[in-house]
Full PDB file with SEQRES, HELIX, SHEET, SSBOND, CRYST1, ORIGX, SCALE, CONECT and MASTER records, all heavy atoms in Angstrom:
SEQRES   1 A   33  THR ALA ALA ASN PHE ALA GLN ALA PRO PHE LEU VAL PHE          
SEQRES   2 A   33  ASN ARG LYS ASP ASP ASP GLN VAL GLN TRP VAL SER LYS          
SEQRES   3 A   33  ALA PHE GLY VAL LYS ALA PRO                                  
HELIX    1 AA1 PHE A    5  GLN A    7  5                                   3    
HELIX    2 AA2 ASP A   19  PHE A   28  1                                  10    
CRYST1    1.000    1.000    1.000  90.00  90.00  90.00 P 1           1          
ORIGX1      1.000000  0.000000  0.000000        0.00000                         
ORIGX2      0.000000  1.000000  0.000000        0.00000                         
ORIGX3      0.000000  0.000000  1.000000        0.00000                         
SCALE1      1.000000  0.000000  0.000000        0.00000                         
SCALE2      0.000000  1.000000  0.000000        0.00000                         
SCALE3      0.000000  0.000000  1.000000        0.00000                         
ATOM      1  N   THR A   1       4.266  -0.482 -10.046  1.00  0.00           N  
ATOM      2  CA  THR A   1       5.485  -1.260  -9.829  1.00  0.00           C  
ATOM      3  C   THR A   1       6.077  -0.954  -8.461  1.00  0.00           C  
ATOM      4  O   THR A   1       5.649  -0.013  -7.772  1.00  0.00           O  
ATOM      5  CB  THR A   1       6.538  -0.942 -10.904  1.00  0.00           C  
ATOM      6  OG1 THR A   1       6.993   0.415 -10.726  1.00  0.00           O  
ATOM      7  CG2 THR A   1       5.957  -1.095 -12.307  1.00  0.00           C  
ATOM      8  N   ALA A   2       7.092  -1.715  -8.105  1.00  0.00           N  
ATOM      9  CA  ALA A   2       7.804  -1.471  -6.846  1.00  0.00           C  
ATOM     10  C   ALA A   2       8.478  -0.106  -6.849  1.00  0.00           C  
ATOM     11  O   ALA A   2       8.733   0.474  -5.794  1.00  0.00           O  
ATOM     12  CB  ALA A   2       8.834  -2.571  -6.606  1.00  0.00           C  
ATOM     13  N   ALA A   3       8.749   0.431  -8.035  1.00  0.00           N  
ATOM     14  CA  ALA A   3       9.439   1.718  -8.128  1.00  0.00           C  
ATOM     15  C   ALA A   3       8.506   2.911  -8.012  1.00  0.00           C  
ATOM     16  O   ALA A   3       8.950   4.009  -7.673  1.00  0.00           O  
ATOM     17  CB  ALA A   3      10.202   1.795  -9.454  1.00  0.00           C  
ATOM     18  N   ASN A   4       7.207   2.724  -8.281  1.00  0.00           N  
ATOM     19  CA  ASN A   4       6.326   3.895  -8.309  1.00  0.00           C  
ATOM     20  C   ASN A   4       5.125   3.826  -7.376  1.00  0.00           C  
ATOM     21  O   ASN A   4       4.336   4.769  -7.313  1.00  0.00           O  
ATOM     22  CB  ASN A   4       5.835   4.156  -9.742  1.00  0.00           C  
ATOM     23  CG  ASN A   4       4.959   3.034 -10.281  1.00  0.00           C  
ATOM     24  OD1 ASN A   4       4.457   2.192  -9.542  1.00  0.00           O  
ATOM     25  ND2 ASN A   4       4.768   3.022 -11.603  1.00  0.00           N  
ATOM     26  N   PHE A   5       4.951   2.714  -6.625  1.00  0.00           N  
ATOM     27  CA  PHE A   5       3.731   2.616  -5.812  1.00  0.00           C  
ATOM     28  C   PHE A   5       3.651   3.713  -4.750  1.00  0.00           C  
ATOM     29  O   PHE A   5       2.573   4.149  -4.365  1.00  0.00           O  
ATOM     30  CB  PHE A   5       3.601   1.228  -5.169  1.00  0.00           C  
ATOM     31  CG  PHE A   5       4.532   0.971  -4.015  1.00  0.00           C  
ATOM     32  CD1 PHE A   5       4.282   1.477  -2.747  1.00  0.00           C  
ATOM     33  CD2 PHE A   5       5.671   0.197  -4.191  1.00  0.00           C  
ATOM     34  CE1 PHE A   5       5.134   1.234  -1.681  1.00  0.00           C  
ATOM     35  CE2 PHE A   5       6.523  -0.057  -3.132  1.00  0.00           C  
ATOM     36  CZ  PHE A   5       6.268   0.465  -1.876  1.00  0.00           C  
ATOM     37  N   ALA A   6       4.807   4.193  -4.264  1.00  0.00           N  
ATOM     38  CA  ALA A   6       4.795   5.224  -3.223  1.00  0.00           C  
ATOM     39  C   ALA A   6       4.320   6.568  -3.746  1.00  0.00           C  
ATOM     40  O   ALA A   6       3.901   7.426  -2.966  1.00  0.00           O  
ATOM     41  CB  ALA A   6       6.188   5.363  -2.607  1.00  0.00           C  
ATOM     42  N   GLN A   7       4.365   6.780  -5.059  1.00  0.00           N  
ATOM     43  CA  GLN A   7       3.903   8.043  -5.650  1.00  0.00           C  
ATOM     44  C   GLN A   7       2.455   7.960  -6.126  1.00  0.00           C  
ATOM     45  O   GLN A   7       1.871   8.978  -6.509  1.00  0.00           O  
ATOM     46  CB  GLN A   7       4.791   8.437  -6.840  1.00  0.00           C  
ATOM     47  CG  GLN A   7       6.175   8.944  -6.468  1.00  0.00           C  
ATOM     48  CD  GLN A   7       7.092   7.843  -6.004  1.00  0.00           C  
ATOM     49  OE1 GLN A   7       7.223   6.820  -6.683  1.00  0.00           O  
ATOM     50  NE2 GLN A   7       7.730   8.036  -4.849  1.00  0.00           N  
ATOM     51  N   ALA A   8       1.866   6.781  -6.111  1.00  0.00           N  
ATOM     52  CA  ALA A   8       0.485   6.608  -6.577  1.00  0.00           C  
ATOM     53  C   ALA A   8      -0.478   6.783  -5.408  1.00  0.00           C  
ATOM     54  O   ALA A   8      -0.294   6.175  -4.352  1.00  0.00           O  
ATOM     55  CB  ALA A   8       0.312   5.221  -7.192  1.00  0.00           C  
ATOM     56  N   PRO A   9      -1.496   7.616  -5.558  1.00  0.00           N  
ATOM     57  CA  PRO A   9      -2.456   7.805  -4.454  1.00  0.00           C  
ATOM     58  C   PRO A   9      -3.344   6.570  -4.274  1.00  0.00           C  
ATOM     59  O   PRO A   9      -3.828   5.990  -5.248  1.00  0.00           O  
ATOM     60  CB  PRO A   9      -3.274   9.019  -4.903  1.00  0.00           C  
ATOM     61  CG  PRO A   9      -3.152   9.035  -6.384  1.00  0.00           C  
ATOM     62  CD  PRO A   9      -1.805   8.490  -6.707  1.00  0.00           C  
ATOM     63  N   PHE A  10      -3.554   6.194  -3.025  1.00  0.00           N  
ATOM     64  CA  PHE A  10      -4.460   5.108  -2.670  1.00  0.00           C  
ATOM     65  C   PHE A  10      -5.642   5.698  -1.898  1.00  0.00           C  
ATOM     66  O   PHE A  10      -5.458   6.555  -1.016  1.00  0.00           O  
ATOM     67  CB  PHE A  10      -3.757   4.057  -1.804  1.00  0.00           C  
ATOM     68  CG  PHE A  10      -2.886   3.117  -2.577  1.00  0.00           C  
ATOM     69  CD1 PHE A  10      -1.622   3.514  -3.009  1.00  0.00           C  
ATOM     70  CD2 PHE A  10      -3.324   1.836  -2.875  1.00  0.00           C  
ATOM     71  CE1 PHE A  10      -0.810   2.642  -3.720  1.00  0.00           C  
ATOM     72  CE2 PHE A  10      -2.515   0.958  -3.582  1.00  0.00           C  
ATOM     73  CZ  PHE A  10      -1.257   1.359  -4.014  1.00  0.00           C  
ATOM     74  N   LEU A  11      -6.833   5.233  -2.210  1.00  0.00           N  
ATOM     75  CA  LEU A  11      -8.033   5.699  -1.523  1.00  0.00           C  
ATOM     76  C   LEU A  11      -8.294   4.812  -0.313  1.00  0.00           C  
ATOM     77  O   LEU A  11      -8.395   3.584  -0.448  1.00  0.00           O  
ATOM     78  CB  LEU A  11      -9.231   5.689  -2.470  1.00  0.00           C  
ATOM     79  CG  LEU A  11      -9.061   6.587  -3.699  1.00  0.00           C  
ATOM     80  CD1 LEU A  11     -10.290   6.526  -4.584  1.00  0.00           C  
ATOM     81  CD2 LEU A  11      -8.793   8.022  -3.283  1.00  0.00           C  
ATOM     82  N   VAL A  12      -8.416   5.440   0.852  1.00  0.00           N  
ATOM     83  CA  VAL A  12      -8.498   4.730   2.120  1.00  0.00           C  
ATOM     84  C   VAL A  12      -9.792   5.121   2.814  1.00  0.00           C  
ATOM     85  O   VAL A  12     -10.198   6.287   2.786  1.00  0.00           O  
ATOM     86  CB  VAL A  12      -7.292   5.087   3.019  1.00  0.00           C  
ATOM     87  CG1 VAL A  12      -7.316   4.289   4.304  1.00  0.00           C  
ATOM     88  CG2 VAL A  12      -5.986   4.848   2.264  1.00  0.00           C  
ATOM     89  N   PHE A  13     -10.446   4.130   3.446  1.00  0.00           N  
ATOM     90  CA  PHE A  13     -11.704   4.399   4.142  1.00  0.00           C  
ATOM     91  C   PHE A  13     -11.488   5.302   5.351  1.00  0.00           C  
ATOM     92  O   PHE A  13     -12.115   6.341   5.494  1.00  0.00           O  
ATOM     93  CB  PHE A  13     -12.353   3.083   4.578  1.00  0.00           C  
ATOM     94  CG  PHE A  13     -13.712   3.250   5.199  1.00  0.00           C  
ATOM     95  CD1 PHE A  13     -14.836   3.343   4.415  1.00  0.00           C  
ATOM     96  CD2 PHE A  13     -13.851   3.309   6.580  1.00  0.00           C  
ATOM     97  CE1 PHE A  13     -16.083   3.506   4.986  1.00  0.00           C  
ATOM     98  CE2 PHE A  13     -15.088   3.467   7.164  1.00  0.00           C  
ATOM     99  CZ  PHE A  13     -16.211   3.571   6.364  1.00  0.00           C  
ATOM    100  N   ASN A  14     -10.599   4.915   6.252  1.00  0.00           N  
ATOM    101  CA  ASN A  14     -10.239   5.750   7.412  1.00  0.00           C  
ATOM    102  C   ASN A  14      -8.908   5.251   7.958  1.00  0.00           C  
ATOM    103  O   ASN A  14      -8.274   4.371   7.386  1.00  0.00           O  
ATOM    104  CB  ASN A  14     -11.332   5.738   8.489  1.00  0.00           C  
ATOM    105  CG  ASN A  14     -11.605   4.346   9.033  1.00  0.00           C  
ATOM    106  OD1 ASN A  14     -10.774   3.444   8.965  1.00  0.00           O  
ATOM    107  ND2 ASN A  14     -12.786   4.153   9.590  1.00  0.00           N  
ATOM    108  N   ARG A  15      -8.481   5.805   9.076  1.00  0.00           N  
ATOM    109  CA  ARG A  15      -7.156   5.476   9.602  1.00  0.00           C  
ATOM    110  C   ARG A  15      -7.081   4.080  10.216  1.00  0.00           C  
ATOM    111  O   ARG A  15      -5.995   3.615  10.561  1.00  0.00           O  
ATOM    112  CB  ARG A  15      -6.716   6.548  10.612  1.00  0.00           C  
ATOM    113  CG  ARG A  15      -6.286   7.841   9.924  1.00  0.00           C  
ATOM    114  CD  ARG A  15      -6.023   8.982  10.892  1.00  0.00           C  
ATOM    115  NE  ARG A  15      -5.491  10.140  10.191  1.00  0.00           N  
ATOM    116  CZ  ARG A  15      -6.221  10.992   9.470  1.00  0.00           C  
ATOM    117  NH1 ARG A  15      -7.527  10.792   9.352  1.00  0.00           N  
ATOM    118  NH2 ARG A  15      -5.640  12.013   8.854  1.00  0.00           N  
ATOM    119  N   LYS A  16      -8.203   3.415  10.370  1.00  0.00           N  
ATOM    120  CA  LYS A  16      -8.202   2.032  10.817  1.00  0.00           C  
ATOM    121  C   LYS A  16      -8.010   1.060   9.651  1.00  0.00           C  
ATOM    122  O   LYS A  16      -7.730  -0.116   9.866  1.00  0.00           O  
ATOM    123  CB  LYS A  16      -9.527   1.707  11.517  1.00  0.00           C  
ATOM    124  CG  LYS A  16      -9.793   2.510  12.786  1.00  0.00           C  
ATOM    125  CD  LYS A  16     -11.157   2.151  13.343  1.00  0.00           C  
ATOM    126  CE  LYS A  16     -11.478   2.947  14.599  1.00  0.00           C  
ATOM    127  NZ  LYS A  16     -12.833   2.635  15.129  1.00  0.00           N  
ATOM    128  N   ASP A  17      -8.188   1.542   8.446  1.00  0.00           N  
ATOM    129  CA  ASP A  17      -8.180   0.709   7.249  1.00  0.00           C  
ATOM    130  C   ASP A  17      -6.739   0.437   6.811  1.00  0.00           C  
ATOM    131  O   ASP A  17      -5.992   1.367   6.516  1.00  0.00           O  
ATOM    132  CB  ASP A  17      -8.956   1.427   6.144  1.00  0.00           C  
ATOM    133  CG  ASP A  17      -9.005   0.651   4.845  1.00  0.00           C  
ATOM    134  OD1 ASP A  17      -8.665  -0.536   4.852  1.00  0.00           O  
ATOM    135  OD2 ASP A  17      -9.401   1.247   3.829  1.00  0.00           O  
ATOM    136  N   ASP A  18      -6.365  -0.842   6.753  1.00  0.00           N  
ATOM    137  CA  ASP A  18      -5.007  -1.173   6.320  1.00  0.00           C  
ATOM    138  C   ASP A  18      -5.005  -2.146   5.149  1.00  0.00           C  
ATOM    139  O   ASP A  18      -3.982  -2.774   4.850  1.00  0.00           O  
ATOM    140  CB  ASP A  18      -4.192  -1.748   7.478  1.00  0.00           C  
ATOM    141  CG  ASP A  18      -4.695  -3.115   7.942  1.00  0.00           C  
ATOM    142  OD1 ASP A  18      -5.807  -3.528   7.525  1.00  0.00           O  
ATOM    143  OD2 ASP A  18      -3.983  -3.777   8.714  1.00  0.00           O  
ATOM    144  N   ASP A  19      -6.126  -2.287   4.449  1.00  0.00           N  
ATOM    145  CA  ASP A  19      -6.189  -3.238   3.336  1.00  0.00           C  
ATOM    146  C   ASP A  19      -5.196  -2.888   2.231  1.00  0.00           C  
ATOM    147  O   ASP A  19      -4.573  -3.775   1.633  1.00  0.00           O  
ATOM    148  CB  ASP A  19      -7.612  -3.296   2.765  1.00  0.00           C  
ATOM    149  CG  ASP A  19      -8.591  -3.903   3.748  1.00  0.00           C  
ATOM    150  OD1 ASP A  19      -8.238  -4.913   4.385  1.00  0.00           O  
ATOM    151  OD2 ASP A  19      -9.705  -3.371   3.886  1.00  0.00           O  
ATOM    152  N   GLN A  20      -5.055  -1.587   1.935  1.00  0.00           N  
ATOM    153  CA  GLN A  20      -4.134  -1.188   0.872  1.00  0.00           C  
ATOM    154  C   GLN A  20      -2.678  -1.462   1.274  1.00  0.00           C  
ATOM    155  O   GLN A  20      -1.854  -1.845   0.433  1.00  0.00           O  
ATOM    156  CB  GLN A  20      -4.324   0.296   0.497  1.00  0.00           C  
ATOM    157  CG  GLN A  20      -4.122   1.276   1.611  1.00  0.00           C  
ATOM    158  CD  GLN A  20      -5.269   1.260   2.621  1.00  0.00           C  
ATOM    159  OE1 GLN A  20      -6.392   0.933   2.282  1.00  0.00           O  
ATOM    160  NE2 GLN A  20      -4.961   1.617   3.862  1.00  0.00           N  
ATOM    161  N   VAL A  21      -2.359  -1.287   2.538  1.00  0.00           N  
ATOM    162  CA  VAL A  21      -1.009  -1.602   3.021  1.00  0.00           C  
ATOM    163  C   VAL A  21      -0.740  -3.101   2.886  1.00  0.00           C  
ATOM    164  O   VAL A  21       0.342  -3.527   2.458  1.00  0.00           O  
ATOM    165  CB  VAL A  21      -0.839  -1.135   4.476  1.00  0.00           C  
ATOM    166  CG1 VAL A  21       0.463  -1.656   5.074  1.00  0.00           C  
ATOM    167  CG2 VAL A  21      -0.885   0.390   4.564  1.00  0.00           C  
ATOM    168  N   GLN A  22      -1.753  -3.904   3.263  1.00  0.00           N  
ATOM    169  CA  GLN A  22      -1.612  -5.355   3.134  1.00  0.00           C  
ATOM    170  C   GLN A  22      -1.394  -5.753   1.674  1.00  0.00           C  
ATOM    171  O   GLN A  22      -0.537  -6.599   1.368  1.00  0.00           O  
ATOM    172  CB  GLN A  22      -2.890  -6.032   3.672  1.00  0.00           C  
ATOM    173  CG  GLN A  22      -3.137  -5.822   5.144  1.00  0.00           C  
ATOM    174  CD  GLN A  22      -2.719  -7.018   5.960  1.00  0.00           C  
ATOM    175  OE1 GLN A  22      -2.340  -8.048   5.420  1.00  0.00           O  
ATOM    176  NE2 GLN A  22      -2.779  -6.877   7.265  1.00  0.00           N  
ATOM    177  N   TRP A  23      -2.151  -5.132   0.765  1.00  0.00           N  
ATOM    178  CA  TRP A  23      -2.053  -5.510  -0.642  1.00  0.00           C  
ATOM    179  C   TRP A  23      -0.676  -5.145  -1.213  1.00  0.00           C  
ATOM    180  O   TRP A  23      -0.039  -5.949  -1.890  1.00  0.00           O  
ATOM    181  CB  TRP A  23      -3.162  -4.827  -1.447  1.00  0.00           C  
ATOM    182  CG  TRP A  23      -3.252  -5.316  -2.856  1.00  0.00           C  
ATOM    183  CD1 TRP A  23      -4.007  -6.351  -3.323  1.00  0.00           C  
ATOM    184  CD2 TRP A  23      -2.534  -4.799  -3.986  1.00  0.00           C  
ATOM    185  NE1 TRP A  23      -3.812  -6.520  -4.672  1.00  0.00           N  
ATOM    186  CE2 TRP A  23      -2.910  -5.578  -5.115  1.00  0.00           C  
ATOM    187  CE3 TRP A  23      -1.629  -3.763  -4.168  1.00  0.00           C  
ATOM    188  CZ2 TRP A  23      -2.399  -5.343  -6.387  1.00  0.00           C  
ATOM    189  CZ3 TRP A  23      -1.106  -3.522  -5.434  1.00  0.00           C  
ATOM    190  CH2 TRP A  23      -1.500  -4.301  -6.529  1.00  0.00           C  
ATOM    191  N   VAL A  24      -0.216  -3.918  -0.944  1.00  0.00           N  
ATOM    192  CA  VAL A  24       1.088  -3.491  -1.455  1.00  0.00           C  
ATOM    193  C   VAL A  24       2.196  -4.344  -0.869  1.00  0.00           C  
ATOM    194  O   VAL A  24       3.154  -4.723  -1.566  1.00  0.00           O  
ATOM    195  CB  VAL A  24       1.310  -1.993  -1.148  1.00  0.00           C  
ATOM    196  CG1 VAL A  24       2.750  -1.586  -1.440  1.00  0.00           C  
ATOM    197  CG2 VAL A  24       0.346  -1.134  -1.956  1.00  0.00           C  
ATOM    198  N   SER A  25       2.090  -4.676   0.393  1.00  0.00           N  
ATOM    199  CA  SER A  25       3.100  -5.517   1.031  1.00  0.00           C  
ATOM    200  C   SER A  25       3.196  -6.871   0.345  1.00  0.00           C  
ATOM    201  O   SER A  25       4.301  -7.391   0.102  1.00  0.00           O  
ATOM    202  CB  SER A  25       2.769  -5.690   2.513  1.00  0.00           C  
ATOM    203  OG  SER A  25       3.714  -6.512   3.159  1.00  0.00           O  
ATOM    204  N   LYS A  26       2.035  -7.454  -0.001  1.00  0.00           N  
ATOM    205  CA  LYS A  26       2.038  -8.742  -0.680  1.00  0.00           C  
ATOM    206  C   LYS A  26       2.523  -8.610  -2.122  1.00  0.00           C  
ATOM    207  O   LYS A  26       3.238  -9.472  -2.630  1.00  0.00           O  
ATOM    208  CB  LYS A  26       0.629  -9.332  -0.651  1.00  0.00           C  
ATOM    209  CG  LYS A  26       0.148  -9.759   0.722  1.00  0.00           C  
ATOM    210  CD  LYS A  26      -1.283 -10.264   0.657  1.00  0.00           C  
ATOM    211  CE  LYS A  26      -1.780 -10.634   2.062  1.00  0.00           C  
ATOM    212  NZ  LYS A  26      -1.044 -11.765   2.636  1.00  0.00           N  
ATOM    213  N   ALA A  27       2.123  -7.512  -2.780  1.00  0.00           N  
ATOM    214  CA  ALA A  27       2.448  -7.352  -4.195  1.00  0.00           C  
ATOM    215  C   ALA A  27       3.938  -7.142  -4.424  1.00  0.00           C  
ATOM    216  O   ALA A  27       4.510  -7.660  -5.390  1.00  0.00           O  
ATOM    217  CB  ALA A  27       1.651  -6.191  -4.785  1.00  0.00           C  
ATOM    218  N   PHE A  28       4.593  -6.398  -3.526  1.00  0.00           N  
ATOM    219  CA  PHE A  28       5.974  -6.001  -3.785  1.00  0.00           C  
ATOM    220  C   PHE A  28       6.954  -6.443  -2.699  1.00  0.00           C  
ATOM    221  O   PHE A  28       8.132  -6.068  -2.728  1.00  0.00           O  
ATOM    222  CB  PHE A  28       6.047  -4.479  -3.965  1.00  0.00           C  
ATOM    223  CG  PHE A  28       5.129  -3.984  -5.054  1.00  0.00           C  
ATOM    224  CD1 PHE A  28       4.050  -3.167  -4.754  1.00  0.00           C  
ATOM    225  CD2 PHE A  28       5.329  -4.347  -6.369  1.00  0.00           C  
ATOM    226  CE1 PHE A  28       3.193  -2.721  -5.746  1.00  0.00           C  
ATOM    227  CE2 PHE A  28       4.478  -3.907  -7.378  1.00  0.00           C  
ATOM    228  CZ  PHE A  28       3.404  -3.092  -7.066  1.00  0.00           C  
ATOM    229  N   GLY A  29       6.464  -7.212  -1.729  1.00  0.00           N  
ATOM    230  CA  GLY A  29       7.353  -7.736  -0.698  1.00  0.00           C  
ATOM    231  C   GLY A  29       7.949  -6.661   0.186  1.00  0.00           C  
ATOM    232  O   GLY A  29       9.068  -6.814   0.686  1.00  0.00           O  
ATOM    233  N   VAL A  30       7.202  -5.568   0.394  1.00  0.00           N  
ATOM    234  CA  VAL A  30       7.684  -4.452   1.207  1.00  0.00           C  
ATOM    235  C   VAL A  30       6.997  -4.494   2.565  1.00  0.00           C  
ATOM    236  O   VAL A  30       5.764  -4.517   2.637  1.00  0.00           O  
ATOM    237  CB  VAL A  30       7.398  -3.100   0.522  1.00  0.00           C  
ATOM    238  CG1 VAL A  30       7.895  -1.951   1.387  1.00  0.00           C  
ATOM    239  CG2 VAL A  30       8.039  -3.064  -0.860  1.00  0.00           C  
ATOM    240  N   LYS A  31       7.764  -4.487   3.621  1.00  0.00           N  
ATOM    241  CA  LYS A  31       7.204  -4.494   4.954  1.00  0.00           C  
ATOM    242  C   LYS A  31       6.821  -3.076   5.353  1.00  0.00           C  
ATOM    243  O   LYS A  31       7.615  -2.150   5.229  1.00  0.00           O  
ATOM    244  CB  LYS A  31       8.215  -5.067   5.949  1.00  0.00           C  
ATOM    245  CG  LYS A  31       7.662  -5.224   7.355  1.00  0.00           C  
ATOM    246  CD  LYS A  31       8.689  -5.871   8.276  1.00  0.00           C  
ATOM    247  CE  LYS A  31       8.130  -6.039   9.678  1.00  0.00           C  
ATOM    248  NZ  LYS A  31       9.124  -6.667  10.592  1.00  0.00           N  
ATOM    249  N   ALA A  32       5.572  -2.902   5.821  1.00  0.00           N  
ATOM    250  CA  ALA A  32       5.055  -1.604   6.264  1.00  0.00           C  
ATOM    251  C   ALA A  32       5.312  -0.509   5.230  1.00  0.00           C  
ATOM    252  O   ALA A  32       5.990   0.483   5.511  1.00  0.00           O  
ATOM    253  CB  ALA A  32       5.666  -1.213   7.614  1.00  0.00           C  
ATOM    254  N   PRO A  33       4.784  -0.647   4.022  1.00  0.00           N  
ATOM    255  CA  PRO A  33       5.019   0.375   2.995  1.00  0.00           C  
ATOM    256  C   PRO A  33       4.377   1.706   3.367  1.00  0.00           C  
ATOM    257  O   PRO A  33       3.312   1.747   3.989  1.00  0.00           O  
ATOM    258  CB  PRO A  33       4.360  -0.228   1.752  1.00  0.00           C  
ATOM    259  CG  PRO A  33       3.323  -1.166   2.284  1.00  0.00           C  
ATOM    260  CD  PRO A  33       3.898  -1.729   3.535  1.00  0.00           C  
TER     261      PRO A  33                                                      
MASTER        0    0    0    2    0    0    0    6  260    1    0    3          
END                                                                             
């Protein structure tokens, strides 16, 4: 949820990878989560 996504670990390929940021931004309307 919007209340707990910041506490949930996301698996990232490397520091160039921003797919998870894009997904969370779309899912919860948060800019640069």
